[in-house]
Protein backbone atom coordinates (compact mmCIF):
# COMPACT_ATOMS: atom_id res chain seq x y z
CA UNK A 1 22.75 20.42 -56.42
CA UNK A 2 25.02 23.44 -56.51
CA UNK A 3 27.88 24.05 -54.09
CA UNK A 4 25.91 26.41 -51.84
CA UNK A 5 23.08 23.90 -51.33
CA UNK A 6 25.61 21.11 -50.78
CA UNK A 7 27.29 23.19 -48.05
CA UNK A 8 23.93 23.67 -46.29
CA UNK A 9 23.07 19.98 -46.62
CA UNK A 10 26.50 19.13 -45.22
CA UNK A 11 25.65 21.02 -41.99
CA UNK A 12 22.60 18.80 -41.47
CA UNK A 13 24.51 15.63 -42.32
CA UNK A 14 27.24 16.58 -39.83
CA UNK A 15 24.59 16.76 -37.10
CA UNK A 16 23.30 13.33 -38.14
CA UNK A 17 26.86 11.95 -37.94
CA UNK A 18 27.21 13.47 -34.48
CA UNK A 19 23.89 11.87 -33.48
CA UNK A 20 25.18 8.49 -34.64
CA UNK A 21 28.41 8.89 -32.65
CA UNK A 22 26.48 9.85 -29.52
CA UNK A 23 23.95 7.03 -29.88
CA UNK A 24 26.62 4.41 -30.47
CA UNK A 25 28.64 5.69 -27.49
CA UNK A 26 25.57 4.90 -25.37
CA UNK A 27 25.14 1.40 -26.79
CA UNK A 28 22.43 2.20 -29.35
CA UNK A 29 22.54 1.19 -33.02
CA UNK A 30 23.24 3.65 -35.81
CA UNK A 31 20.39 5.64 -37.26
CA UNK A 32 19.09 4.33 -40.58
CA UNK A 33 20.28 6.23 -43.64
CA UNK A 34 18.35 9.50 -43.95
CA UNK A 35 17.27 11.15 -47.18
CA UNK A 36 18.20 14.77 -46.48
CA UNK A 37 17.09 17.65 -48.65
CA UNK A 38 17.42 21.38 -48.30
CA UNK A 39 14.21 23.00 -49.49
CA UNK A 40 12.92 26.51 -50.06
CA UNK A 41 10.56 27.55 -47.32
CA UNK A 42 8.30 29.58 -49.56
CA UNK A 43 5.66 31.30 -47.47
CA UNK A 44 5.73 28.51 -44.93
CA UNK A 45 6.90 29.36 -41.42
CA UNK A 46 8.27 25.90 -40.64
CA UNK A 47 11.96 25.24 -39.98
CA UNK A 48 11.87 21.73 -41.43
CA UNK A 49 9.68 18.66 -41.81
CA UNK A 50 9.96 14.90 -41.98
CA UNK A 51 7.88 11.87 -42.82
CA UNK A 52 7.02 9.83 -39.71
CA UNK A 53 9.11 6.68 -39.65
CA UNK A 54 10.18 7.01 -43.30
CA UNK A 55 13.79 8.30 -42.92
CA UNK A 56 13.13 11.44 -44.96
CA UNK A 57 14.13 14.84 -43.57
CA UNK A 58 13.69 18.20 -45.28
CA UNK A 59 15.24 21.28 -43.71
CA UNK A 60 14.29 24.74 -44.92
CA UNK A 61 17.20 26.62 -46.48
CA UNK A 62 16.80 29.59 -44.13
CA UNK A 63 17.21 27.29 -41.11
CA UNK A 64 20.68 26.27 -42.34
CA UNK A 65 21.98 29.60 -43.52
CA UNK A 66 24.31 31.26 -41.08
CA UNK A 67 24.47 28.18 -38.86
CA UNK A 68 28.01 29.10 -37.83
CA UNK A 69 26.41 31.80 -35.65
CA UNK A 70 25.72 30.30 -32.20
CA UNK A 71 21.98 31.07 -32.08
CA UNK A 72 21.40 29.91 -35.65
CA UNK A 73 23.47 26.76 -35.05
CA UNK A 74 21.29 25.96 -32.02
CA UNK A 75 18.17 26.42 -34.15
CA UNK A 76 19.58 24.10 -36.85
CA UNK A 77 20.59 21.51 -34.24
CA UNK A 78 17.17 21.69 -32.57
CA UNK A 79 15.35 21.41 -35.91
CA UNK A 80 17.49 18.53 -37.18
CA UNK A 81 17.13 16.50 -33.96
CA UNK A 82 13.37 17.22 -33.87
CA UNK A 83 12.95 16.05 -37.47
CA UNK A 84 15.15 12.98 -36.91
CA UNK A 85 12.83 11.85 -34.11
CA UNK A 86 9.90 12.14 -36.51
CA UNK A 87 11.81 10.44 -39.31
CA UNK A 88 13.48 7.59 -37.43
CA UNK A 89 11.16 6.77 -34.52
CA UNK A 90 7.87 8.21 -35.79
CA UNK A 91 7.63 10.45 -32.69
CA UNK A 92 4.72 12.86 -32.91
CA UNK A 93 4.58 16.37 -31.49
CA UNK A 94 4.42 16.63 -27.72
CA UNK A 95 3.77 20.09 -26.32
CA UNK A 96 5.27 19.14 -22.95
CA UNK A 97 8.64 18.20 -24.47
CA UNK A 98 10.90 21.15 -25.31
CA UNK A 99 12.36 19.24 -28.27
CA UNK A 100 9.16 17.79 -29.71
CA UNK A 101 6.66 20.62 -29.32
CA UNK A 102 5.02 21.71 -32.56
CA UNK A 103 6.54 25.19 -32.52
CA UNK A 104 10.01 26.06 -31.27
CA UNK A 105 8.70 27.84 -28.17
CA UNK A 106 11.19 26.74 -25.50
CA UNK A 107 14.70 28.08 -25.08
CA UNK A 108 16.79 24.91 -25.42
CA UNK A 109 20.57 24.77 -25.21
CA UNK A 110 22.54 22.39 -27.40
CA UNK A 111 23.29 20.23 -24.36
CA UNK A 112 19.61 19.94 -23.40
CA UNK A 113 18.62 19.21 -27.00
CA UNK A 114 21.11 16.32 -27.12
CA UNK A 115 19.89 14.98 -23.75
CA UNK A 116 16.26 15.08 -24.86
CA UNK A 117 17.12 13.44 -28.18
CA UNK A 118 19.03 10.62 -26.50
CA UNK A 119 16.21 10.06 -24.03
CA UNK A 120 13.91 8.94 -26.84
CA UNK A 121 16.25 6.03 -27.56
CA UNK A 122 16.30 4.71 -23.96
């Protein structure tokens, strides 16, 4: 893993650390260790993917790049939380949930994304 890929992976891991802090602050246990990889998207239009209940998360490189920009950071946060719910809890897509719909079709603020994420652990 070169330095540029490590820096992108670090952005995802920082979100996972934040998720752990938030969950523990609300009396929930830590997330299990996640296998996080940054992958090339190829011709795929997905932002990331995960294996249901297997603690494996892959985020497409383009989703991470530029995540210091507010809109891109929100997309990375949204994608990471979405994939964590697949990976940790085995949550499937739900078109009525702004965080778990199959395609990122809702405008979701960071605050709303965190609220929706936490709600799955209640």
